């Protein structure tokens, strides 16, 4: 039986998958920034290649908004149309800091 709790859990997992895929693909791109359209195409290609999911429409704007909300995009690229993420170490620290702040507020 599907419950509201299971739907909420699945939604949260989906949101995290989008964030992780976007972060990983942008990080893998090394020093080059990429456009949102390129990131969308690479994410969809990644899902097809590694998981056989070829009917997905990767929600690129949701992914970018999550990256921006967690302050994981390089500031110098936020005003341009190209995207670049902070280092993985910086990303880890920012996510950890944000998570701790959210849990202490509860």
PDB file of N, CA and C in Angstrom:
ATOM      1  N   UNK A   1       0.834  -1.183   0.000  1.00  0.00           N
ATOM      2  CA  UNK A   1       0.000   0.000   0.000  1.00  0.00           C
ATOM      3  C   UNK A   1       0.880   1.249   0.000  1.00  0.00           C
ATOM      4  N   UNK A   2       0.565   2.194  -0.833  1.00  0.00           N
ATOM      5  CA  UNK A   2       1.309   3.449  -0.903  1.00  0.00           C
ATOM      6  C   UNK A   2       0.765   4.397   0.162  1.00  0.00           C
ATOM      7  N   UNK A   3       1.684   4.957   0.915  1.00  0.00           N
ATOM      8  CA  UNK A   3       1.286   5.912   1.951  1.00  0.00           C
ATOM      9  C   UNK A   3       1.834   7.286   1.612  1.00  0.00           C
ATOM     10  N   UNK A   4       1.308   8.276   2.273  1.00  0.00           N
ATOM     11  CA  UNK A   4       1.822   9.636   2.074  1.00  0.00           C
ATOM     12  C   UNK A   4       3.287   9.688   2.467  1.00  0.00           C
ATOM     13  N   UNK A   5       3.637   8.988   3.533  1.00  0.00           N
ATOM     14  CA  UNK A   5       5.031   8.968   3.978  1.00  0.00           C
ATOM     15  C   UNK A   5       5.952   8.387   2.909  1.00  0.00           C
ATOM     16  N   UNK A   6       5.532   7.315   2.247  1.00  0.00           N
ATOM     17  CA  UNK A   6       6.372   6.720   1.210  1.00  0.00           C
ATOM     18  C   UNK A   6       6.489   7.643  -0.001  1.00  0.00           C
ATOM     19  N   UNK A   7       5.426   8.376  -0.321  1.00  0.00           N
ATOM     20  CA  UNK A   7       5.490   9.335  -1.425  1.00  0.00           C
ATOM     21  C   UNK A   7       6.438  10.485  -1.098  1.00  0.00           C
ATOM     22  N   UNK A   8       6.399  10.968   0.130  1.00  0.00           N
ATOM     23  CA  UNK A   8       7.303  12.038   0.558  1.00  0.00           C
ATOM     24  C   UNK A   8       8.741  11.548   0.506  1.00  0.00           C
ATOM     25  N   UNK A   9       8.972  10.331   1.004  1.00  0.00           N
ATOM     26  CA  UNK A   9      10.315   9.758   0.997  1.00  0.00           C
ATOM     27  C   UNK A   9      10.844   9.630  -0.434  1.00  0.00           C
ATOM     28  N   UNK A  10      10.013   9.137  -1.338  1.00  0.00           N
ATOM     29  CA  UNK A  10      10.430   8.985  -2.736  1.00  0.00           C
ATOM     30  C   UNK A  10      10.725  10.340  -3.386  1.00  0.00           C
ATOM     31  N   UNK A  11       9.936  11.338  -3.058  1.00  0.00           N
ATOM     32  CA  UNK A  11      10.154  12.685  -3.596  1.00  0.00           C
ATOM     33  C   UNK A  11      11.488  13.243  -3.127  1.00  0.00           C
ATOM     34  N   UNK A  12      11.784  13.076  -1.862  1.00  0.00           N
ATOM     35  CA  UNK A  12      13.059  13.557  -1.314  1.00  0.00           C
ATOM     36  C   UNK A  12      14.222  12.833  -1.979  1.00  0.00           C
ATOM     37  N   UNK A  13      14.097  11.523  -2.152  1.00  0.00           N
ATOM     38  CA  UNK A  13      15.158  10.758  -2.822  1.00  0.00           C
ATOM     39  C   UNK A  13      15.364  11.245  -4.255  1.00  0.00           C
ATOM     40  N   UNK A  14      14.281  11.511  -4.967  1.00  0.00           N
ATOM     41  CA  UNK A  14      14.378  11.996  -6.344  1.00  0.00           C
ATOM     42  C   UNK A  14      15.099  13.345  -6.391  1.00  0.00           C
ATOM     43  N   UNK A  15      14.759  14.226  -5.461  1.00  0.00           N
ATOM     44  CA  UNK A  15      15.407  15.534  -5.388  1.00  0.00           C
ATOM     45  C   UNK A  15      16.907  15.369  -5.152  1.00  0.00           C
ATOM     46  N   UNK A  16      17.280  14.468  -4.274  1.00  0.00           N
ATOM     47  CA  UNK A  16      18.698  14.247  -3.980  1.00  0.00           C
ATOM     48  C   UNK A  16      19.426  13.642  -5.173  1.00  0.00           C
ATOM     49  N   UNK A  17      18.764  12.739  -5.874  1.00  0.00           N
ATOM     50  CA  UNK A  17      19.400  12.143  -7.064  1.00  0.00           C
ATOM     51  C   UNK A  17      19.709  13.221  -8.109  1.00  0.00           C
ATOM     52  N   UNK A  18      18.761  14.123  -8.332  1.00  0.00           N
ATOM     53  CA  UNK A  18      18.998  15.212  -9.290  1.00  0.00           C
ATOM     54  C   UNK A  18      20.203  16.047  -8.871  1.00  0.00           C
ATOM     55  N   UNK A  19      20.246  16.391  -7.604  1.00  0.00           N
ATOM     56  CA  UNK A  19      21.347  17.205  -7.086  1.00  0.00           C
ATOM     57  C   UNK A  19      22.681  16.492  -7.248  1.00  0.00           C
ATOM     58  N   UNK A  20      22.741  15.226  -6.868  1.00  0.00           N
ATOM     59  CA  UNK A  20      24.000  14.472  -6.924  1.00  0.00           C
ATOM     60  C   UNK A  20      24.465  14.275  -8.361  1.00  0.00           C
ATOM     61  N   UNK A  21      23.544  13.965  -9.264  1.00  0.00           N
ATOM     62  CA  UNK A  21      23.921  13.790 -10.673  1.00  0.00           C
ATOM     63  C   UNK A  21      24.462  15.098 -11.235  1.00  0.00           C
ATOM     64  N   UNK A  22      23.773  16.195 -10.976  1.00  0.00           N
ATOM     65  CA  UNK A  22      24.240  17.493 -11.464  1.00  0.00           C
ATOM     66  C   UNK A  22      25.596  17.863 -10.905  1.00  0.00           C
ATOM     67  N   UNK A  23      25.766  17.681  -9.604  1.00  0.00           N
ATOM     68  CA  UNK A  23      27.042  17.992  -8.953  1.00  0.00           C
ATOM     69  C   UNK A  23      28.168  17.133  -9.521  1.00  0.00           C
ATOM     70  N   UNK A  24      27.920  15.844  -9.655  1.00  0.00           N
ATOM     71  CA  UNK A  24      28.948  14.928 -10.160  1.00  0.00           C
ATOM     72  C   UNK A  24      29.344  15.247 -11.598  1.00  0.00           C
ATOM     73  N   UNK A  25      28.362  15.497 -12.456  1.00  0.00           N
ATOM     74  CA  UNK A  25      28.673  15.777 -13.860  1.00  0.00           C
ATOM     75  C   UNK A  25      29.394  17.107 -14.025  1.00  0.00           C
ATOM     76  N   UNK A  26      28.989  18.100 -13.254  1.00  0.00           N
ATOM     77  CA  UNK A  26      29.687  19.380 -13.328  1.00  0.00           C
ATOM     78  C   UNK A  26      31.101  19.252 -12.776  1.00  0.00           C
ATOM     79  N   UNK A  27      31.254  18.491 -11.718  1.00  0.00           N
ATOM     80  CA  UNK A  27      32.594  18.306 -11.139  1.00  0.00           C
ATOM     81  C   UNK A  27      33.492  17.530 -12.096  1.00  0.00           C
ATOM     82  N   UNK A  28      32.930  16.516 -12.739  1.00  0.00           N
ATOM     83  CA  UNK A  28      33.700  15.696 -13.689  1.00  0.00           C
ATOM     84  C   UNK A  28      34.195  16.534 -14.863  1.00  0.00           C
ATOM     85  N   UNK A  29      33.511  17.607 -15.147  1.00  0.00           N
ATOM     86  CA  UNK A  29      33.867  18.478 -16.265  1.00  0.00           C
ATOM     87  C   UNK A  29      35.129  19.290 -15.986  1.00  0.00           C
ATOM     88  N   UNK A  30      35.700  19.110 -14.807  1.00  0.00           N
ATOM     89  CA  UNK A  30      36.938  19.760 -14.383  1.00  0.00           C
ATOM     90  C   UNK A  30      36.861  21.278 -14.449  1.00  0.00           C
ATOM     91  N   UNK A  31      37.776  21.884 -15.184  1.00  0.00           N
ATOM     92  CA  UNK A  31      37.902  23.334 -15.177  1.00  0.00           C
ATOM     93  C   UNK A  31      36.973  24.055 -16.147  1.00  0.00           C
ATOM     94  N   UNK A  32      36.282  23.308 -16.980  1.00  0.00           N
ATOM     95  CA  UNK A  32      35.407  23.936 -17.970  1.00  0.00           C
ATOM     96  C   UNK A  32      33.999  24.090 -17.411  1.00  0.00           C
ATOM     97  N   UNK A  33      33.428  25.254 -17.616  1.00  0.00           N
ATOM     98  CA  UNK A  33      32.038  25.473 -17.249  1.00  0.00           C
ATOM     99  C   UNK A  33      31.168  24.940 -18.381  1.00  0.00           C
ATOM    100  N   UNK A  34      29.944  24.527 -18.063  1.00  0.00           N
ATOM    101  CA  UNK A  34      29.059  24.049 -19.126  1.00  0.00           C
ATOM    102  C   UNK A  34      27.707  24.741 -19.026  1.00  0.00           C
ATOM    103  N   UNK A  35      27.009  24.745 -20.124  1.00  0.00           N
ATOM    104  CA  UNK A  35      25.687  25.367 -20.140  1.00  0.00           C
ATOM    105  C   UNK A  35      24.673  24.424 -19.493  1.00  0.00           C
ATOM    106  N   UNK A  36      23.534  24.981 -19.131  1.00  0.00           N
ATOM    107  CA  UNK A  36      22.481  24.162 -18.531  1.00  0.00           C
ATOM    108  C   UNK A  36      21.976  23.118 -19.527  1.00  0.00           C
ATOM    109  N   UNK A  37      21.911  23.472 -20.785  1.00  0.00           N
ATOM    110  CA  UNK A  37      21.449  22.514 -21.793  1.00  0.00           C
ATOM    111  C   UNK A  37      22.424  21.347 -21.936  1.00  0.00           C
ATOM    112  N   UNK A  38      23.715  21.633 -21.914  1.00  0.00           N
ATOM    113  CA  UNK A  38      24.711  20.569 -21.973  1.00  0.00           C
ATOM    114  C   UNK A  38      24.602  19.666 -20.756  1.00  0.00           C
ATOM    115  N   UNK A  39      24.431  20.258 -19.576  1.00  0.00           N
ATOM    116  CA  UNK A  39      24.280  19.467 -18.356  1.00  0.00           C
ATOM    117  C   UNK A  39      23.042  18.576 -18.450  1.00  0.00           C
ATOM    118  N   UNK A  40      21.940  19.100 -18.945  1.00  0.00           N
ATOM    119  CA  UNK A  40      20.712  18.319 -19.095  1.00  0.00           C
ATOM    120  C   UNK A  40      20.951  17.119 -20.017  1.00  0.00           C
ATOM    121  N   UNK A  41      21.581  17.355 -21.161  1.00  0.00           N
ATOM    122  CA  UNK A  41      21.846  16.277 -22.112  1.00  0.00           C
ATOM    123  C   UNK A  41      22.783  15.231 -21.518  1.00  0.00           C
ATOM    124  N   UNK A  42      23.813  15.683 -20.796  1.00  0.00           N
ATOM    125  CA  UNK A  42      24.750  14.734 -20.176  1.00  0.00           C
ATOM    126  C   UNK A  42      24.087  13.928 -19.067  1.00  0.00           C
ATOM    127  N   UNK A  43      23.200  14.549 -18.313  1.00  0.00           N
ATOM    128  CA  UNK A  43      22.491  13.835 -17.245  1.00  0.00           C
ATOM    129  C   UNK A  43      21.586  12.759 -17.850  1.00  0.00           C
ATOM    130  N   UNK A  44      20.860  13.114 -18.888  1.00  0.00           N
ATOM    131  CA  UNK A  44      19.980  12.144 -19.528  1.00  0.00           C
ATOM    132  C   UNK A  44      20.775  11.023 -20.179  1.00  0.00           C
ATOM    133  N   UNK A  45      21.918  11.354 -20.765  1.00  0.00           N
ATOM    134  CA  UNK A  45      22.797  10.342 -21.357  1.00  0.00           C
ATOM    135  C   UNK A  45      23.367   9.422 -20.282  1.00  0.00           C
ATOM    136  N   UNK A  46      23.760   9.989 -19.150  1.00  0.00           N
ATOM    137  CA  UNK A  46      24.286   9.216 -18.015  1.00  0.00           C
ATOM    138  C   UNK A  46      23.235   8.218 -17.525  1.00  0.00           C
ATOM    139  N   UNK A  47      22.006   8.679 -17.348  1.00  0.00           N
ATOM    140  CA  UNK A  47      20.937   7.809 -16.856  1.00  0.00           C
ATOM    141  C   UNK A  47      20.636   6.685 -17.842  1.00  0.00           C
ATOM    142  N   UNK A  48      20.708   6.990 -19.120  1.00  0.00           N
ATOM    143  CA  UNK A  48      20.485   5.971 -20.139  1.00  0.00           C
ATOM    144  C   UNK A  48      21.637   4.965 -20.159  1.00  0.00           C
ATOM    145  N   UNK A  49      22.855   5.455 -20.160  1.00  0.00           N
ATOM    146  CA  UNK A  49      24.029   4.586 -20.268  1.00  0.00           C
ATOM    147  C   UNK A  49      24.190   3.663 -19.068  1.00  0.00           C
ATOM    148  N   UNK A  50      24.047   4.184 -17.867  1.00  0.00           N
ATOM    149  CA  UNK A  50      24.341   3.392 -16.668  1.00  0.00           C
ATOM    150  C   UNK A  50      23.123   2.707 -16.049  1.00  0.00           C
ATOM    151  N   UNK A  51      21.919   3.180 -16.359  1.00  0.00           N
ATOM    152  CA  UNK A  51      20.730   2.607 -15.738  1.00  0.00           C
ATOM    153  C   UNK A  51      19.658   2.187 -16.741  1.00  0.00           C
ATOM    154  N   UNK A  52      19.901   2.436 -18.028  1.00  0.00           N
ATOM    155  CA  UNK A  52      18.937   2.057 -19.046  1.00  0.00           C
ATOM    156  C   UNK A  52      17.653   2.873 -19.000  1.00  0.00           C
ATOM    157  N   UNK A  53      17.727   4.046 -18.388  1.00  0.00           N
ATOM    158  CA  UNK A  53      16.552   4.917 -18.301  1.00  0.00           C
ATOM    159  C   UNK A  53      16.637   5.923 -19.438  1.00  0.00           C
ATOM    160  N   UNK A  54      15.841   5.698 -20.479  1.00  0.00           N
ATOM    161  CA  UNK A  54      15.940   6.583 -21.645  1.00  0.00           C
ATOM    162  C   UNK A  54      14.668   7.402 -21.878  1.00  0.00           C
ATOM    163  N   UNK A  55      13.737   7.344 -20.954  1.00  0.00           N
ATOM    164  CA  UNK A  55      12.500   8.111 -21.104  1.00  0.00           C
ATOM    165  C   UNK A  55      12.423   9.272 -20.116  1.00  0.00           C
ATOM    166  N   UNK A  56      13.510   9.548 -19.447  1.00  0.00           N
ATOM    167  CA  UNK A  56      13.509  10.577 -18.406  1.00  0.00           C
ATOM    168  C   UNK A  56      13.681  11.969 -19.008  1.00  0.00           C
ATOM    169  N   UNK A  57      13.044  12.938 -18.380  1.00  0.00           N
ATOM    170  CA  UNK A  57      13.253  14.347 -18.695  1.00  0.00           C
ATOM    171  C   UNK A  57      13.923  14.948 -17.471  1.00  0.00           C
ATOM    172  N   UNK A  58      15.243  15.065 -17.502  1.00  0.00           N
ATOM    173  CA  UNK A  58      15.986  15.579 -16.357  1.00  0.00           C
ATOM    174  C   UNK A  58      15.589  17.030 -16.110  1.00  0.00           C
ATOM    175  N   UNK A  59      15.141  17.318 -14.903  1.00  0.00           N
ATOM    176  CA  UNK A  59      14.673  18.664 -14.550  1.00  0.00           C
ATOM    177  C   UNK A  59      15.877  19.549 -14.226  1.00  0.00           C
ATOM    178  N   UNK A  60      16.452  20.110 -15.254  1.00  0.00           N
ATOM    179  CA  UNK A  60      17.692  20.867 -15.123  1.00  0.00           C
ATOM    180  C   UNK A  60      17.527  22.108 -14.261  1.00  0.00           C
ATOM    181  N   UNK A  61      16.412  22.784 -14.379  1.00  0.00           N
ATOM    182  CA  UNK A  61      16.236  24.017 -13.609  1.00  0.00           C
ATOM    183  C   UNK A  61      16.067  23.724 -12.122  1.00  0.00           C
ATOM    184  N   UNK A  62      15.427  22.620 -11.805  1.00  0.00           N
ATOM    185  CA  UNK A  62      15.313  22.200 -10.409  1.00  0.00           C
ATOM    186  C   UNK A  62      16.696  21.857  -9.857  1.00  0.00           C
ATOM    187  N   UNK A  63      17.488  21.163 -10.659  1.00  0.00           N
ATOM    188  CA  UNK A  63      18.853  20.806 -10.264  1.00  0.00           C
ATOM    189  C   UNK A  63      19.690  22.061 -10.018  1.00  0.00           C
ATOM    190  N   UNK A  64      19.637  23.003 -10.934  1.00  0.00           N
ATOM    191  CA  UNK A  64      20.415  24.242 -10.803  1.00  0.00           C
ATOM    192  C   UNK A  64      19.957  25.030  -9.579  1.00  0.00           C
ATOM    193  N   UNK A  65      18.656  25.083  -9.351  1.00  0.00           N
ATOM    194  CA  UNK A  65      18.148  25.788  -8.175  1.00  0.00           C
ATOM    195  C   UNK A  65      18.634  25.154  -6.879  1.00  0.00           C
ATOM    196  N   UNK A  66      18.693  23.824  -6.843  1.00  0.00           N
ATOM    197  CA  UNK A  66      19.200  23.128  -5.646  1.00  0.00           C
ATOM    198  C   UNK A  66      20.682  23.426  -5.443  1.00  0.00           C
ATOM    199  N   UNK A  67      21.442  23.371  -6.527  1.00  0.00           N
ATOM    200  CA  UNK A  67      22.878  23.677  -6.432  1.00  0.00           C
ATOM    201  C   UNK A  67      23.084  25.104  -5.933  1.00  0.00           C
ATOM    202  N   UNK A  68      22.306  26.025  -6.454  1.00  0.00           N
ATOM    203  CA  UNK A  68      22.422  27.428  -6.037  1.00  0.00           C
ATOM    204  C   UNK A  68      21.979  27.598  -4.585  1.00  0.00           C
ATOM    205  N   UNK A  69      20.890  26.932  -4.198  1.00  0.00           N
ATOM    206  CA  UNK A  69      20.376  27.040  -2.836  1.00  0.00           C
ATOM    207  C   UNK A  69      21.400  26.550  -1.810  1.00  0.00           C
ATOM    208  N   UNK A  70      22.153  25.532  -2.175  1.00  0.00           N
ATOM    209  CA  UNK A  70      23.184  25.008  -1.281  1.00  0.00           C
ATOM    210  C   UNK A  70      24.522  25.719  -1.453  1.00  0.00           C
ATOM    211  N   UNK A  71      24.530  26.745  -2.303  1.00  0.00           N
ATOM    212  CA  UNK A  71      25.738  27.537  -2.548  1.00  0.00           C
ATOM    213  C   UNK A  71      26.871  26.673  -3.118  1.00  0.00           C
ATOM    214  N   UNK A  72      26.533  25.801  -4.061  1.00  0.00           N
ATOM    215  CA  UNK A  72      27.510  24.893  -4.651  1.00  0.00           C
ATOM    216  C   UNK A  72      27.984  25.336  -6.032  1.00  0.00           C
ATOM    217  N   UNK A  73      27.425  26.426  -6.538  1.00  0.00           N
ATOM    218  CA  UNK A  73      27.882  26.957  -7.821  1.00  0.00           C
ATOM    219  C   UNK A  73      28.941  28.021  -7.581  1.00  0.00           C
ATOM    220  N   UNK A  74      29.935  28.052  -8.427  1.00  0.00           N
ATOM    221  CA  UNK A  74      30.962  29.087  -8.344  1.00  0.00           C
ATOM    222  C   UNK A  74      30.313  30.441  -8.587  1.00  0.00           C
ATOM    223  N   UNK A  75      30.619  31.415  -7.766  1.00  0.00           N
ATOM    224  CA  UNK A  75      30.017  32.748  -7.888  1.00  0.00           C
ATOM    225  C   UNK A  75      30.292  33.392  -9.234  1.00  0.00           C
ATOM    226  N   UNK A  76      31.498  33.221  -9.735  1.00  0.00           N
ATOM    227  CA  UNK A  76      31.861  33.891 -10.983  1.00  0.00           C
ATOM    228  C   UNK A  76      31.043  33.398 -12.171  1.00  0.00           C
ATOM    229  N   UNK A  77      30.460  32.215 -12.048  1.00  0.00           N
ATOM    230  CA  UNK A  77      29.691  31.673 -13.159  1.00  0.00           C
ATOM    231  C   UNK A  77      28.190  31.870 -12.979  1.00  0.00           C
ATOM    232  N   UNK A  78      27.771  32.311 -11.795  1.00  0.00           N
ATOM    233  CA  UNK A  78      26.334  32.415 -11.534  1.00  0.00           C
ATOM    234  C   UNK A  78      25.655  33.479 -12.392  1.00  0.00           C
ATOM    235  N   UNK A  79      26.372  34.491 -12.796  1.00  0.00           N
ATOM    236  CA  UNK A  79      25.751  35.540 -13.612  1.00  0.00           C
ATOM    237  C   UNK A  79      25.831  35.231 -15.110  1.00  0.00           C
ATOM    238  N   UNK A  80      26.645  34.268 -15.484  1.00  0.00           N
ATOM    239  CA  UNK A  80      26.743  33.900 -16.902  1.00  0.00           C
ATOM    240  C   UNK A  80      25.802  32.725 -17.160  1.00  0.00           C
ATOM    241  N   UNK A  81      25.805  32.263 -18.382  1.00  0.00           N
ATOM    242  CA  UNK A  81      24.955  31.136 -18.729  1.00  0.00           C
ATOM    243  C   UNK A  81      25.682  29.806 -18.545  1.00  0.00           C
ATOM    244  N   UNK A  82      26.904  29.851 -18.053  1.00  0.00           N
ATOM    245  CA  UNK A  82      27.675  28.625 -17.859  1.00  0.00           C
ATOM    246  C   UNK A  82      27.760  28.288 -16.377  1.00  0.00           C
ATOM    247  N   UNK A  83      27.806  26.995 -16.098  1.00  0.00           N
ATOM    248  CA  UNK A  83      27.780  26.502 -14.724  1.00  0.00           C
ATOM    249  C   UNK A  83      29.095  25.836 -14.355  1.00  0.00           C
ATOM    250  N   UNK A  84      29.502  26.066 -13.137  1.00  0.00           N
ATOM    251  CA  UNK A  84      30.678  25.407 -12.592  1.00  0.00           C
ATOM    252  C   UNK A  84      30.455  25.274 -11.093  1.00  0.00           C
ATOM    253  N   UNK A  85      30.835  24.123 -10.540  1.00  0.00           N
ATOM    254  CA  UNK A  85      30.613  23.898  -9.113  1.00  0.00           C
ATOM    255  C   UNK A  85      31.897  24.092  -8.322  1.00  0.00           C
ATOM    256  N   UNK A  86      31.708  24.290  -7.023  1.00  0.00           N
ATOM    257  CA  UNK A  86      32.838  24.396  -6.109  1.00  0.00           C
ATOM    258  C   UNK A  86      33.495  23.021  -5.991  1.00  0.00           C
ATOM    259  N   UNK A  87      34.644  22.966  -5.350  1.00  0.00           N
ATOM    260  CA  UNK A  87      35.331  21.681  -5.168  1.00  0.00           C
ATOM    261  C   UNK A  87      34.470  20.749  -4.323  1.00  0.00           C
ATOM    262  N   UNK A  88      34.744  19.453  -4.412  1.00  0.00           N
ATOM    263  CA  UNK A  88      33.980  18.488  -3.621  1.00  0.00           C
ATOM    264  C   UNK A  88      34.168  18.714  -2.123  1.00  0.00           C
ATOM    265  N   UNK A  89      35.355  19.115  -1.729  1.00  0.00           N
ATOM    266  CA  UNK A  89      35.608  19.384  -0.312  1.00  0.00           C
ATOM    267  C   UNK A  89      34.759  20.557   0.175  1.00  0.00           C
ATOM    268  N   UNK A  90      34.709  21.607  -0.627  1.00  0.00           N
ATOM    269  CA  UNK A  90      33.899  22.776  -0.283  1.00  0.00           C
ATOM    270  C   UNK A  90      32.422  22.397  -0.285  1.00  0.00           C
ATOM    271  N   UNK A  91      31.992  21.614  -1.270  1.00  0.00           N
ATOM    272  CA  UNK A  91      30.600  21.170  -1.339  1.00  0.00           C
ATOM    273  C   UNK A  91      30.239  20.374  -0.086  1.00  0.00           C
ATOM    274  N   UNK A  92      31.102  19.450   0.305  1.00  0.00           N
ATOM    275  CA  UNK A  92      30.857  18.641   1.505  1.00  0.00           C
ATOM    276  C   UNK A  92      30.693  19.529   2.728  1.00  0.00           C
ATOM    277  N   UNK A  93      31.593  20.499   2.893  1.00  0.00           N
ATOM    278  CA  UNK A  93      31.538  21.385   4.047  1.00  0.00           C
ATOM    279  C   UNK A  93      30.267  22.231   4.057  1.00  0.00           C
ATOM    280  N   UNK A  94      29.880  22.724   2.898  1.00  0.00           N
ATOM    281  CA  UNK A  94      28.679  23.569   2.822  1.00  0.00           C
ATOM    282  C   UNK A  94      27.406  22.759   3.079  1.00  0.00           C
ATOM    283  N   UNK A  95      27.359  21.547   2.543  1.00  0.00           N
ATOM    284  CA  UNK A  95      26.191  20.694   2.771  1.00  0.00           C
ATOM    285  C   UNK A  95      26.125  20.284   4.244  1.00  0.00           C
ATOM    286  N   UNK A  96      27.263  19.926   4.796  1.00  0.00           N
ATOM    287  CA  UNK A  96      27.308  19.527   6.210  1.00  0.00           C
ATOM    288  C   UNK A  96      26.874  20.678   7.107  1.00  0.00           C
ATOM    289  N   UNK A  97      27.362  21.863   6.832  1.00  0.00           N
ATOM    290  CA  UNK A  97      27.009  23.040   7.610  1.00  0.00           C
ATOM    291  C   UNK A  97      25.514  23.333   7.504  1.00  0.00           C
ATOM    292  N   UNK A  98      24.976  23.243   6.309  1.00  0.00           N
ATOM    293  CA  UNK A  98      23.556  23.508   6.082  1.00  0.00           C
ATOM    294  C   UNK A  98      22.700  22.469   6.788  1.00  0.00           C
ATOM    295  N   UNK A  99      23.101  21.201   6.696  1.00  0.00           N
ATOM    296  CA  UNK A  99      22.332  20.134   7.330  1.00  0.00           C
ATOM    297  C   UNK A  99      22.314  20.301   8.840  1.00  0.00           C
ATOM    298  N   UNK A 100      23.458  20.604   9.414  1.00  0.00           N
ATOM    299  CA  UNK A 100      23.513  20.817  10.866  1.00  0.00           C
ATOM    300  C   UNK A 100      22.641  21.989  11.291  1.00  0.00           C
ATOM    301  N   UNK A 101      22.668  23.050  10.517  1.00  0.00           N
ATOM    302  CA  UNK A 101      21.871  24.242  10.855  1.00  0.00           C
ATOM    303  C   UNK A 101      20.374  23.909  10.789  1.00  0.00           C
ATOM    304  N   UNK A 102      19.959  23.135   9.796  1.00  0.00           N
ATOM    305  CA  UNK A 102      18.547  22.791   9.663  1.00  0.00           C
ATOM    306  C   UNK A 102      18.073  21.877  10.776  1.00  0.00           C
ATOM    307  N   UNK A 103      18.925  20.945  11.202  1.00  0.00           N
ATOM    308  CA  UNK A 103      18.515  20.016  12.250  1.00  0.00           C
ATOM    309  C   UNK A 103      18.530  20.657  13.635  1.00  0.00           C
ATOM    310  N   UNK A 104      19.360  21.665  13.829  1.00  0.00           N
ATOM    311  CA  UNK A 104      19.366  22.315  15.123  1.00  0.00           C
ATOM    312  C   UNK A 104      18.198  23.278  15.266  1.00  0.00           C
ATOM    313  N   UNK A 105      17.607  23.683  14.134  1.00  0.00           N
ATOM    314  CA  UNK A 105      16.450  24.569  14.180  1.00  0.00           C
ATOM    315  C   UNK A 105      15.182  23.823  14.568  1.00  0.00           C
ATOM    316  N   UNK A 106      15.161  22.505  14.356  1.00  0.00           N
ATOM    317  CA  UNK A 106      13.947  21.711  14.627  1.00  0.00           C
ATOM    318  C   UNK A 106      13.708  21.520  16.073  1.00  0.00           C
TER     319      UNK A 106
END
